[in-house]
Amino acid sequence: MTGKEKMISAFKHERIEGHVPHFELVFFLTMEVLGKVHPNHRRYDQWNQMSTIEKELQLADLADCHVDIAKKYGHSAIFVHSPINDFNAQKRLLEIIREKSGDEFFLMLHGDATHSIPNGDYMTEFSIRMYENPESLKEESKAWVEHGLDLAGKYKGTKLLDGFALCSDYCFNINPFFTCELFEDLIVPPLSAVITGYREMGYYSIKHTDGNIMPILDQLIGCKPDALHSIDPQGGVDLAEVKRIVGKKAALVGNVNCGLLQTGTDEEARDDILRALNEGMPGGGYIFSTSNCVFTGMPLARYELMHKLWMEHGVYN
């Protein structure tokens, strides 16, 4: 089975041959592995000044960065990060990735259309708007849904894109930022709309949010994403319990504890990696990953321990 086939089989809770699918939402340690700056950390302020040849070389280098990491670590999917704010460049990047890897990987772009936890710069303003002017937030989300579906429509029929990662965060480790009532009013309608729209065009959706999702889990699943990421143990979320509650309504992606990978002992990291495999794999519908991403500052040796244990223990009989 190709990585793409494994991802889709996991979404559908179908039988998978070989290793359980694995990917990382972002793998930032490209400098240590490849000697290349990660695409998210690059700037292309002079993009419009570049010649056609230079643009093509830059895009080829971005594609190599994505594909080489996926091949080295056996990833089933690639979340394509394009630091160039230009549709034609983004499309060409996807074309080059397909040229280099064929149909091996499930390719996705960012595609959320909902409000997330606001940063400190405008948290007070956002909180006031939630209660005093919620219609303005709804109008923003409506525009984002329209934009997301318009972008998805441009790729329809190209076979360049398989789905979208929806990366708005809703939760702290203790509880969601939004009350259940506000989540139902402000988040559920646009989230349902964009997921439904993607599905009607033949795309899959992976909904990401960190933190304690348990108070809003039913609402999240009610929006019918194909998979839910990251089932965060640092937010007190138990993979086995979520798997029991969700059943076959969605696949689950996660939930190796990033905190233990970064600061735990080797034994603690090993035990947690094996726990995630043992809890996630039975019955299918599981995609192995960290509980966030392979972020800057995580020791590469810890991710490579995770990869080694996946190679040894993450195999379906």
C-alpha atoms as a PDB file:
ATOM      1  CA  MET A   1       0.000   0.000   0.000  1.00  0.00           C
ATOM      2  CA  THR A   2       1.179   3.523  -0.710  1.00  0.00           C
ATOM      3  CA  GLY A   3       1.195   6.089   2.051  1.00  0.00           C
ATOM      4  CA  LYS A   4      -1.767   7.800   0.420  1.00  0.00           C
ATOM      5  CA  GLU A   5      -3.715   4.538   0.342  1.00  0.00           C
ATOM      6  CA  LYS A   6      -2.937   3.937   4.018  1.00  0.00           C
ATOM      7  CA  MET A   7      -4.160   7.396   5.016  1.00  0.00           C
ATOM      8  CA  ILE A   8      -7.438   6.964   3.175  1.00  0.00           C
ATOM      9  CA  SER A   9      -7.886   3.461   4.592  1.00  0.00           C
ATOM     10  CA  ALA A  10      -7.344   4.855   8.088  1.00  0.00           C
ATOM     11  CA  PHE A  11      -9.974   7.547   7.472  1.00  0.00           C
ATOM     12  CA  LYS A  12     -12.407   4.808   6.455  1.00  0.00           C
ATOM     13  CA  HIS A  13     -11.402   2.352   9.203  1.00  0.00           C
ATOM     14  CA  GLU A  14     -10.412  -0.183   6.560  1.00  0.00           C
ATOM     15  CA  ARG A  15      -7.770  -2.892   6.876  1.00  0.00           C
ATOM     16  CA  ILE A  16      -4.186  -1.693   6.410  1.00  0.00           C
ATOM     17  CA  GLU A  17      -1.283  -3.875   5.316  1.00  0.00           C
ATOM     18  CA  GLY A  18       2.113  -3.273   6.883  1.00  0.00           C
ATOM     19  CA  HIS A  19       2.902  -0.278   9.051  1.00  0.00           C
ATOM     20  CA  VAL A  20       0.247   1.920  10.595  1.00  0.00           C
ATOM     21  CA  PRO A  21       0.301   5.240   8.689  1.00  0.00           C
ATOM     22  CA  HIS A  22       2.516   7.915  10.166  1.00  0.00           C
ATOM     23  CA  PHE A  23       3.178  11.570   9.421  1.00  0.00           C
ATOM     24  CA  GLU A  24       3.936  14.802  11.224  1.00  0.00           C
ATOM     25  CA  LEU A  25       1.898  17.961  10.793  1.00  0.00           C
ATOM     26  CA  VAL A  26       5.194  19.848  10.658  1.00  0.00           C
ATOM     27  CA  PHE A  27       8.754  18.511  10.836  1.00  0.00           C
ATOM     28  CA  PHE A  28      10.860  21.550  11.708  1.00  0.00           C
ATOM     29  CA  LEU A  29      14.219  19.796  12.168  1.00  0.00           C
ATOM     30  CA  THR A  30      15.114  19.886   8.478  1.00  0.00           C
ATOM     31  CA  MET A  31      18.414  21.682   9.118  1.00  0.00           C
ATOM     32  CA  GLU A  32      19.669  18.821  11.285  1.00  0.00           C
ATOM     33  CA  VAL A  33      18.467  16.146   8.883  1.00  0.00           C
ATOM     34  CA  LEU A  34      18.944  17.725   5.451  1.00  0.00           C
ATOM     35  CA  GLY A  35      21.021  20.841   6.034  1.00  0.00           C
ATOM     36  CA  LYS A  36      18.073  22.933   4.800  1.00  0.00           C
ATOM     37  CA  VAL A  37      15.973  25.639   6.431  1.00  0.00           C
ATOM     38  CA  HIS A  38      12.372  24.510   6.899  1.00  0.00           C
ATOM     39  CA  PRO A  39       9.925  26.096   4.424  1.00  0.00           C
ATOM     40  CA  ASN A  40       8.036  27.842   7.261  1.00  0.00           C
ATOM     41  CA  HIS A  41      11.225  29.658   8.240  1.00  0.00           C
ATOM     42  CA  ARG A  42      12.053  30.974   4.765  1.00  0.00           C
ATOM     43  CA  ARG A  43      11.288  34.412   3.334  1.00  0.00           C
ATOM     44  CA  TYR A  44      10.736  35.298  -0.291  1.00  0.00           C
ATOM     45  CA  ASP A  45      10.463  39.093  -0.186  1.00  0.00           C
ATOM     46  CA  GLN A  46      12.047  39.323  -3.630  1.00  0.00           C
ATOM     47  CA  TRP A  47       9.933  36.596  -5.226  1.00  0.00           C
ATOM     48  CA  ASN A  48       8.485  38.926  -7.857  1.00  0.00           C
ATOM     49  CA  GLN A  49      11.993  40.027  -8.859  1.00  0.00           C
ATOM     50  CA  MET A  50      13.195  36.481  -9.517  1.00  0.00           C
ATOM     51  CA  SER A  51      13.626  35.109 -13.009  1.00  0.00           C
ATOM     52  CA  THR A  52      11.510  32.154 -14.099  1.00  0.00           C
ATOM     53  CA  ILE A  53      14.530  29.875 -13.770  1.00  0.00           C
ATOM     54  CA  GLU A  54      15.288  31.016 -10.218  1.00  0.00           C
ATOM     55  CA  LYS A  55      11.647  30.615  -9.166  1.00  0.00           C
ATOM     56  CA  GLU A  56      11.629  27.070 -10.500  1.00  0.00           C
ATOM     57  CA  LEU A  57      14.850  26.233  -8.630  1.00  0.00           C
ATOM     58  CA  GLN A  58      13.494  27.679  -5.385  1.00  0.00           C
ATOM     59  CA  LEU A  59      10.282  25.667  -5.713  1.00  0.00           C
ATOM     60  CA  ALA A  60      12.247  22.509  -6.519  1.00  0.00           C
ATOM     61  CA  ASP A  61      14.276  23.017  -3.342  1.00  0.00           C
ATOM     62  CA  LEU A  62      11.093  23.453  -1.288  1.00  0.00           C
ATOM     63  CA  ALA A  63       9.686  20.292  -2.844  1.00  0.00           C
ATOM     64  CA  ASP A  64      12.863  18.346  -2.067  1.00  0.00           C
ATOM     65  CA  CYS A  65      12.654  19.456   1.563  1.00  0.00           C
ATOM     66  CA  HIS A  66       9.113  18.073   1.878  1.00  0.00           C
ATOM     67  CA  VAL A  67       9.690  14.863  -0.064  1.00  0.00           C
ATOM     68  CA  ASP A  68      13.093  13.974   1.399  1.00  0.00           C
ATOM     69  CA  ILE A  69      11.789  14.131   4.976  1.00  0.00           C
ATOM     70  CA  ALA A  70       8.720  12.071   4.091  1.00  0.00           C
ATOM     71  CA  LYS A  71      10.827   9.410   2.377  1.00  0.00           C
ATOM     72  CA  LYS A  72      13.480   9.272   5.098  1.00  0.00           C
ATOM     73  CA  TYR A  73      10.978   8.701   7.891  1.00  0.00           C
ATOM     74  CA  GLY A  74       8.345   6.690   6.037  1.00  0.00           C
ATOM     75  CA  HIS A  75       5.639   9.311   6.298  1.00  0.00           C
ATOM     76  CA  SER A  76       2.342   8.561   4.590  1.00  0.00           C
ATOM     77  CA  ALA A  77       1.349  12.186   4.096  1.00  0.00           C
ATOM     78  CA  ILE A  78       2.863  15.606   3.496  1.00  0.00           C
ATOM     79  CA  PHE A  79       1.355  18.808   4.823  1.00  0.00           C
ATOM     80  CA  VAL A  80       2.706  21.152   2.161  1.00  0.00           C
ATOM     81  CA  HIS A  81       3.919  24.461   3.584  1.00  0.00           C
ATOM     82  CA  SER A  82       4.295  27.171   0.969  1.00  0.00           C
ATOM     83  CA  PRO A  83       5.924  30.360   2.281  1.00  0.00           C
ATOM     84  CA  ILE A  84       5.203  32.133  -1.009  1.00  0.00           C
ATOM     85  CA  ASN A  85       1.894  34.009  -1.043  1.00  0.00           C
ATOM     86  CA  ASP A  86       1.084  33.269  -4.656  1.00  0.00           C
ATOM     87  CA  PHE A  87      -1.433  30.708  -5.933  1.00  0.00           C
ATOM     88  CA  ASN A  88       0.518  29.867  -9.079  1.00  0.00           C
ATOM     89  CA  ALA A  89       3.668  29.243  -7.023  1.00  0.00           C
ATOM     90  CA  GLN A  90       1.729  27.058  -4.592  1.00  0.00           C
ATOM     91  CA  LYS A  91       0.221  25.059  -7.439  1.00  0.00           C
ATOM     92  CA  ARG A  92       3.608  24.631  -9.092  1.00  0.00           C
ATOM     93  CA  LEU A  93       5.081  23.452  -5.777  1.00  0.00           C
ATOM     94  CA  LEU A  94       2.423  20.745  -5.585  1.00  0.00           C
ATOM     95  CA  GLU A  95       3.107  19.791  -9.203  1.00  0.00           C
ATOM     96  CA  ILE A  96       6.818  19.370  -8.486  1.00  0.00           C
ATOM     97  CA  ILE A  97       6.121  17.279  -5.382  1.00  0.00           C
ATOM     98  CA  ARG A  98       3.892  15.008  -7.465  1.00  0.00           C
ATOM     99  CA  GLU A  99       6.556  14.822 -10.176  1.00  0.00           C
ATOM    100  CA  LYS A 100       9.146  13.776  -7.590  1.00  0.00           C
ATOM    101  CA  SER A 101       6.998  11.344  -5.596  1.00  0.00           C
ATOM    102  CA  GLY A 102       4.168  10.245  -7.853  1.00  0.00           C
ATOM    103  CA  ASP A 103       1.070   9.211  -5.923  1.00  0.00           C
ATOM    104  CA  GLU A 104       3.029   7.911  -2.919  1.00  0.00           C
ATOM    105  CA  PHE A 105       1.970  10.565  -0.419  1.00  0.00           C
ATOM    106  CA  PHE A 106      -1.326  12.045   0.702  1.00  0.00           C
ATOM    107  CA  LEU A 107      -0.862  15.775   0.034  1.00  0.00           C
ATOM    108  CA  MET A 108      -2.691  18.445   1.999  1.00  0.00           C
ATOM    109  CA  LEU A 109      -2.752  22.204   2.447  1.00  0.00           C
ATOM    110  CA  HIS A 110      -3.976  24.376   5.302  1.00  0.00           C
ATOM    111  CA  GLY A 111      -7.696  24.934   4.977  1.00  0.00           C
ATOM    112  CA  ASP A 112      -9.353  26.075   8.204  1.00  0.00           C
ATOM    113  CA  ALA A 113     -12.096  28.685   8.157  1.00  0.00           C
ATOM    114  CA  THR A 114     -12.764  29.164  11.862  1.00  0.00           C
ATOM    115  CA  HIS A 115     -11.601  31.465  14.605  1.00  0.00           C
ATOM    116  CA  SER A 116      -8.958  30.098  16.958  1.00  0.00           C
ATOM    117  CA  ILE A 117      -7.702  31.128  20.376  1.00  0.00           C
ATOM    118  CA  PRO A 118      -6.651  34.771  19.900  1.00  0.00           C
ATOM    119  CA  ASN A 119      -3.121  35.772  20.809  1.00  0.00           C
ATOM    120  CA  GLY A 120      -2.395  38.173  23.628  1.00  0.00           C
ATOM    121  CA  ASP A 121      -2.346  41.191  21.347  1.00  0.00           C
ATOM    122  CA  TYR A 122      -6.080  41.077  20.715  1.00  0.00           C
ATOM    123  CA  MET A 123      -7.525  38.561  23.178  1.00  0.00           C
ATOM    124  CA  THR A 124      -9.422  41.244  25.091  1.00  0.00           C
ATOM    125  CA  GLU A 125     -10.852  42.736  21.911  1.00  0.00           C
ATOM    126  CA  PHE A 126     -11.827  39.315  20.579  1.00  0.00           C
ATOM    127  CA  SER A 127     -13.458  38.315  23.870  1.00  0.00           C
ATOM    128  CA  ILE A 128     -15.562  41.488  23.871  1.00  0.00           C
ATOM    129  CA  ARG A 129     -16.653  40.845  20.289  1.00  0.00           C
ATOM    130  CA  MET A 130     -17.738  37.304  21.160  1.00  0.00           C
ATOM    131  CA  TYR A 131     -20.354  38.673  23.547  1.00  0.00           C
ATOM    132  CA  GLU A 132     -21.140  42.126  22.180  1.00  0.00           C
ATOM    133  CA  ASN A 133     -20.809  41.647  18.430  1.00  0.00           C
ATOM    134  CA  PRO A 134     -20.746  37.927  17.563  1.00  0.00           C
ATOM    135  CA  GLU A 135     -22.239  38.632  14.131  1.00  0.00           C
ATOM    136  CA  SER A 136     -19.010  40.320  13.055  1.00  0.00           C
ATOM    137  CA  LEU A 137     -17.076  37.141  13.879  1.00  0.00           C
ATOM    138  CA  LYS A 138     -19.607  35.043  11.991  1.00  0.00           C
ATOM    139  CA  GLU A 139     -19.234  37.263   8.922  1.00  0.00           C
ATOM    140  CA  GLU A 140     -15.458  36.822   9.025  1.00  0.00           C
ATOM    141  CA  SER A 141     -15.835  33.048   9.226  1.00  0.00           C
ATOM    142  CA  LYS A 142     -18.333  33.078   6.363  1.00  0.00           C
ATOM    143  CA  ALA A 143     -15.799  34.903   4.186  1.00  0.00           C
ATOM    144  CA  TRP A 144     -13.087  32.415   5.172  1.00  0.00           C
ATOM    145  CA  VAL A 145     -15.353  29.492   4.224  1.00  0.00           C
ATOM    146  CA  GLU A 146     -15.986  31.036   0.821  1.00  0.00           C
ATOM    147  CA  HIS A 147     -12.271  31.643   0.297  1.00  0.00           C
ATOM    148  CA  GLY A 148     -11.340  28.110   1.365  1.00  0.00           C
ATOM    149  CA  LEU A 149     -13.882  26.475  -0.920  1.00  0.00           C
ATOM    150  CA  ASP A 150     -12.892  28.744  -3.784  1.00  0.00           C
ATOM    151  CA  LEU A 151      -9.254  27.674  -3.386  1.00  0.00           C
ATOM    152  CA  ALA A 152     -10.248  24.006  -3.144  1.00  0.00           C
ATOM    153  CA  GLY A 153     -12.284  24.379  -6.305  1.00  0.00           C
ATOM    154  CA  LYS A 154      -9.240  25.580  -8.231  1.00  0.00           C
ATOM    155  CA  TYR A 155      -7.513  22.271  -7.493  1.00  0.00           C
ATOM    156  CA  LYS A 156     -10.526  20.080  -8.239  1.00  0.00           C
ATOM    157  CA  GLY A 157      -9.706  17.615 -10.989  1.00  0.00           C
ATOM    158  CA  THR A 158      -5.950  18.322 -10.937  1.00  0.00           C
ATOM    159  CA  LYS A 159      -5.068  15.303  -8.742  1.00  0.00           C
ATOM    160  CA  LEU A 160      -2.501  17.539  -7.029  1.00  0.00           C
ATOM    161  CA  LEU A 161      -4.269  17.689  -3.699  1.00  0.00           C
ATOM    162  CA  ASP A 162      -5.912  15.059  -1.498  1.00  0.00           C
ATOM    163  CA  GLY A 163      -7.175  17.074   1.428  1.00  0.00           C
ATOM    164  CA  PHE A 164      -6.812  19.837   3.956  1.00  0.00           C
ATOM    165  CA  ALA A 165      -5.433  20.221   7.470  1.00  0.00           C
ATOM    166  CA  LEU A 166      -7.657  22.511   9.520  1.00  0.00           C
ATOM    167  CA  CYS A 167      -5.307  24.040  12.070  1.00  0.00           C
ATOM    168  CA  SER A 168      -7.231  26.521  14.200  1.00  0.00           C
ATOM    169  CA  ASP A 169      -6.609  25.773  17.885  1.00  0.00           C
ATOM    170  CA  TYR A 170      -9.563  25.933  20.284  1.00  0.00           C
ATOM    171  CA  CYS A 171      -8.285  24.593  23.592  1.00  0.00           C
ATOM    172  CA  PHE A 172      -5.885  25.229  26.436  1.00  0.00           C
ATOM    173  CA  ASN A 173      -4.520  22.285  28.413  1.00  0.00           C
ATOM    174  CA  ILE A 174      -7.181  22.807  31.084  1.00  0.00           C
ATOM    175  CA  ASN A 175     -10.246  23.573  29.002  1.00  0.00           C
ATOM    176  CA  PRO A 176     -11.433  25.033  25.689  1.00  0.00           C
ATOM    177  CA  PHE A 177     -11.118  28.787  25.188  1.00  0.00           C
ATOM    178  CA  PHE A 178     -14.730  28.859  23.967  1.00  0.00           C
ATOM    179  CA  THR A 179     -17.633  27.811  26.165  1.00  0.00           C
ATOM    180  CA  CYS A 180     -19.662  24.946  24.717  1.00  0.00           C
ATOM    181  CA  GLU A 181     -22.425  27.422  23.859  1.00  0.00           C
ATOM    182  CA  LEU A 182     -20.078  29.826  22.075  1.00  0.00           C
ATOM    183  CA  PHE A 183     -18.379  26.967  20.278  1.00  0.00           C
ATOM    184  CA  GLU A 184     -21.736  25.785  18.967  1.00  0.00           C
ATOM    185  CA  ASP A 185     -22.671  29.293  17.864  1.00  0.00           C
ATOM    186  CA  LEU A 186     -19.373  30.603  16.443  1.00  0.00           C
ATOM    187  CA  ILE A 187     -17.302  27.590  15.416  1.00  0.00           C
ATOM    188  CA  VAL A 188     -19.554  24.665  14.529  1.00  0.00           C
ATOM    189  CA  PRO A 189     -21.403  26.292  11.578  1.00  0.00           C
ATOM    190  CA  PRO A 190     -18.318  27.375   9.572  1.00  0.00           C
ATOM    191  CA  LEU A 191     -16.392  24.233  10.517  1.00  0.00           C
ATOM    192  CA  SER A 192     -19.237  22.026   9.327  1.00  0.00           C
ATOM    193  CA  ALA A 193     -19.639  24.108   6.172  1.00  0.00           C
ATOM    194  CA  VAL A 194     -16.020  23.969   5.098  1.00  0.00           C
ATOM    195  CA  ILE A 195     -15.648  20.237   5.867  1.00  0.00           C
ATOM    196  CA  THR A 196     -18.864  19.462   3.972  1.00  0.00           C
ATOM    197  CA  GLY A 197     -17.730  21.591   1.044  1.00  0.00           C
ATOM    198  CA  TYR A 198     -14.360  19.875   0.877  1.00  0.00           C
ATOM    199  CA  ARG A 199     -15.975  16.441   1.027  1.00  0.00           C
ATOM    200  CA  GLU A 200     -18.367  17.280  -1.795  1.00  0.00           C
ATOM    201  CA  MET A 201     -15.339  18.109  -3.946  1.00  0.00           C
ATOM    202  CA  GLY A 202     -13.668  14.798  -3.085  1.00  0.00           C
ATOM    203  CA  TYR A 203     -11.215  16.026  -0.434  1.00  0.00           C
ATOM    204  CA  TYR A 204     -10.531  14.696   3.066  1.00  0.00           C
ATOM    205  CA  SER A 205     -10.204  16.882   6.159  1.00  0.00           C
ATOM    206  CA  ILE A 206      -7.993  16.493   9.223  1.00  0.00           C
ATOM    207  CA  LYS A 207      -9.108  18.750  12.072  1.00  0.00           C
ATOM    208  CA  HIS A 208      -6.274  19.812  14.382  1.00  0.00           C
ATOM    209  CA  THR A 209      -6.525  21.349  17.802  1.00  0.00           C
ATOM    210  CA  ASP A 210      -4.296  20.932  20.828  1.00  0.00           C
ATOM    211  CA  GLY A 211      -5.348  20.900  24.446  1.00  0.00           C
ATOM    212  CA  ASN A 212      -8.316  19.500  26.347  1.00  0.00           C
ATOM    213  CA  ILE A 213     -10.930  18.832  23.668  1.00  0.00           C
ATOM    214  CA  MET A 214     -13.145  16.635  25.841  1.00  0.00           C
ATOM    215  CA  PRO A 215     -15.860  19.258  26.605  1.00  0.00           C
ATOM    216  CA  ILE A 216     -16.305  19.913  22.867  1.00  0.00           C
ATOM    217  CA  LEU A 217     -15.453  16.462  21.500  1.00  0.00           C
ATOM    218  CA  ASP A 218     -19.034  15.641  20.501  1.00  0.00           C
ATOM    219  CA  GLN A 219     -19.341  18.964  18.675  1.00  0.00           C
ATOM    220  CA  LEU A 220     -16.055  18.439  16.852  1.00  0.00           C
ATOM    221  CA  ILE A 221     -17.054  14.969  15.694  1.00  0.00           C
ATOM    222  CA  GLY A 222     -20.487  16.272  14.755  1.00  0.00           C
ATOM    223  CA  CYS A 223     -18.781  18.465  12.131  1.00  0.00           C
ATOM    224  CA  LYS A 224     -17.710  15.170  10.477  1.00  0.00           C
ATOM    225  CA  PRO A 225     -13.975  15.591   9.893  1.00  0.00           C
ATOM    226  CA  ASP A 226     -12.298  12.525   8.465  1.00  0.00           C
ATOM    227  CA  ALA A 227      -9.703  12.623  11.239  1.00  0.00           C
ATOM    228  CA  LEU A 228      -8.989  14.438  14.477  1.00  0.00           C
ATOM    229  CA  HIS A 229      -5.455  15.552  15.444  1.00  0.00           C
ATOM    230  CA  SER A 230      -3.685  15.674  17.968  1.00  0.00           C
ATOM    231  CA  ILE A 231      -5.445  13.905  20.890  1.00  0.00           C
ATOM    232  CA  ASP A 232      -3.202  15.807  23.271  1.00  0.00           C
ATOM    233  CA  PRO A 233      -2.047  13.955  26.417  1.00  0.00           C
ATOM    234  CA  GLN A 234      -0.646  17.215  27.802  1.00  0.00           C
ATOM    235  CA  GLY A 235      -4.258  18.393  27.814  1.00  0.00           C
ATOM    236  CA  GLY A 236      -5.296  15.283  29.715  1.00  0.00           C
ATOM    237  CA  VAL A 237      -6.813  13.640  26.631  1.00  0.00           C
ATOM    238  CA  ASP A 238      -6.755   9.845  26.743  1.00  0.00           C
ATOM    239  CA  LEU A 239      -6.375   8.184  23.331  1.00  0.00           C
ATOM    240  CA  ALA A 240      -8.103   4.949  24.322  1.00  0.00           C
ATOM    241  CA  GLU A 241     -11.060   6.838  25.787  1.00  0.00           C
ATOM    242  CA  VAL A 242     -11.448   9.082  22.745  1.00  0.00           C
ATOM    243  CA  LYS A 243     -11.218   6.008  20.501  1.00  0.00           C
ATOM    244  CA  ARG A 244     -14.012   4.383  22.510  1.00  0.00           C
ATOM    245  CA  ILE A 245     -16.227   7.484  22.324  1.00  0.00           C
ATOM    246  CA  VAL A 246     -15.620   8.317  18.678  1.00  0.00           C
ATOM    247  CA  GLY A 247     -15.729   4.779  17.318  1.00  0.00           C
ATOM    248  CA  LYS A 248     -15.709   4.825  13.532  1.00  0.00           C
ATOM    249  CA  LYS A 249     -17.019   8.365  13.163  1.00  0.00           C
ATOM    250  CA  ALA A 250     -13.490   9.694  12.561  1.00  0.00           C
ATOM    251  CA  ALA A 251      -9.908   8.504  12.506  1.00  0.00           C
ATOM    252  CA  LEU A 252      -7.570   9.678  15.268  1.00  0.00           C
ATOM    253  CA  VAL A 253      -4.106  11.148  14.742  1.00  0.00           C
ATOM    254  CA  GLY A 254      -1.592  11.373  17.599  1.00  0.00           C
ATOM    255  CA  ASN A 255      -0.847  11.188  20.514  1.00  0.00           C
ATOM    256  CA  VAL A 256       2.795  10.681  21.499  1.00  0.00           C
ATOM    257  CA  ASN A 257       3.489  13.140  24.307  1.00  0.00           C
ATOM    258  CA  CYS A 258       5.642  15.979  22.933  1.00  0.00           C
ATOM    259  CA  GLY A 259       6.566  17.068  26.436  1.00  0.00           C
ATOM    260  CA  LEU A 260       8.093  13.682  27.203  1.00  0.00           C
ATOM    261  CA  LEU A 261       9.870  13.614  23.846  1.00  0.00           C
ATOM    262  CA  GLN A 262      11.514  16.905  24.695  1.00  0.00           C
ATOM    263  CA  THR A 263      12.213  16.711  28.422  1.00  0.00           C
ATOM    264  CA  GLY A 264      11.376  13.181  29.648  1.00  0.00           C
ATOM    265  CA  THR A 265      13.831  10.384  30.203  1.00  0.00           C
ATOM    266  CA  ASP A 266      14.563   7.904  27.433  1.00  0.00           C
ATOM    267  CA  GLU A 267      12.499   5.321  29.305  1.00  0.00           C
ATOM    268  CA  GLU A 268       9.539   7.696  29.703  1.00  0.00           C
ATOM    269  CA  ALA A 269       9.655   8.614  26.017  1.00  0.00           C
ATOM    270  CA  ARG A 270       9.892   4.976  24.973  1.00  0.00           C
ATOM    271  CA  ASP A 271       6.989   3.925  27.194  1.00  0.00           C
ATOM    272  CA  ASP A 272       4.779   6.706  25.882  1.00  0.00           C
ATOM    273  CA  ILE A 273       5.553   5.949  22.230  1.00  0.00           C
ATOM    274  CA  LEU A 274       4.629   2.289  22.737  1.00  0.00           C
ATOM    275  CA  ARG A 275       1.514   3.275  24.703  1.00  0.00           C
ATOM    276  CA  ALA A 276       0.269   5.379  21.779  1.00  0.00           C
ATOM    277  CA  LEU A 277       0.827   2.523  19.332  1.00  0.00           C
ATOM    278  CA  ASN A 278      -0.835  -0.021  21.611  1.00  0.00           C
ATOM    279  CA  GLU A 279      -3.861   2.179  22.263  1.00  0.00           C
ATOM    280  CA  GLY A 280      -4.270   3.563  18.765  1.00  0.00           C
ATOM    281  CA  MET A 281      -3.682   0.651  16.411  1.00  0.00           C
ATOM    282  CA  PRO A 282      -6.295  -1.953  17.455  1.00  0.00           C
ATOM    283  CA  GLY A 283      -9.314  -1.840  15.175  1.00  0.00           C
ATOM    284  CA  GLY A 284      -7.703   0.602  12.724  1.00  0.00           C
ATOM    285  CA  GLY A 285      -8.778   4.187  12.239  1.00  0.00           C
ATOM    286  CA  TYR A 286      -5.454   5.436  13.617  1.00  0.00           C
ATOM    287  CA  ILE A 287      -2.566   7.498  12.256  1.00  0.00           C
ATOM    288  CA  PHE A 288       0.589   7.605  14.370  1.00  0.00           C
ATOM    289  CA  SER A 289       2.170  10.971  15.173  1.00  0.00           C
ATOM    290  CA  THR A 290       3.300  13.265  17.939  1.00  0.00           C
ATOM    291  CA  SER A 291       0.735  15.181  19.960  1.00  0.00           C
ATOM    292  CA  ASN A 292       1.624  18.375  18.086  1.00  0.00           C
ATOM    293  CA  CYS A 293       4.553  18.353  15.669  1.00  0.00           C
ATOM    294  CA  VAL A 294       8.319  17.865  15.565  1.00  0.00           C
ATOM    295  CA  PHE A 295       9.000  21.401  16.694  1.00  0.00           C
ATOM    296  CA  THR A 296      12.162  23.490  16.846  1.00  0.00           C
ATOM    297  CA  GLY A 297      14.087  22.505  19.965  1.00  0.00           C
ATOM    298  CA  MET A 298      12.912  18.899  20.168  1.00  0.00           C
ATOM    299  CA  PRO A 299      15.987  16.634  20.211  1.00  0.00           C
ATOM    300  CA  LEU A 300      16.225  14.861  16.870  1.00  0.00           C
ATOM    301  CA  ALA A 301      17.343  11.726  18.703  1.00  0.00           C
ATOM    302  CA  ARG A 302      13.962  11.556  20.427  1.00  0.00           C
ATOM    303  CA  TYR A 303      12.043  11.696  17.161  1.00  0.00           C
ATOM    304  CA  GLU A 304      14.370   9.089  15.714  1.00  0.00           C
ATOM    305  CA  LEU A 305      13.631   6.884  18.744  1.00  0.00           C
ATOM    306  CA  MET A 306       9.951   7.328  17.941  1.00  0.00           C
ATOM    307  CA  HIS A 307      10.596   6.394  14.313  1.00  0.00           C
ATOM    308  CA  LYS A 308      12.630   3.327  15.330  1.00  0.00           C
ATOM    309  CA  LEU A 309       9.872   2.043  17.614  1.00  0.00           C
ATOM    310  CA  TRP A 310       7.265   2.667  14.899  1.00  0.00           C
ATOM    311  CA  MET A 311       9.355   0.607  12.489  1.00  0.00           C
ATOM    312  CA  GLU A 312       9.637  -2.211  15.016  1.00  0.00           C
ATOM    313  CA  HIS A 313       6.196  -2.208  16.661  1.00  0.00           C
ATOM    314  CA  GLY A 314       3.839  -0.258  14.406  1.00  0.00           C
ATOM    315  CA  VAL A 315       3.056  -3.133  12.055  1.00  0.00           C
ATOM    316  CA  TYR A 316      -0.342  -4.737  11.499  1.00  0.00           C
ATOM    317  CA  ASN A 317      -0.245  -8.539  11.335  1.00  0.00           C
END
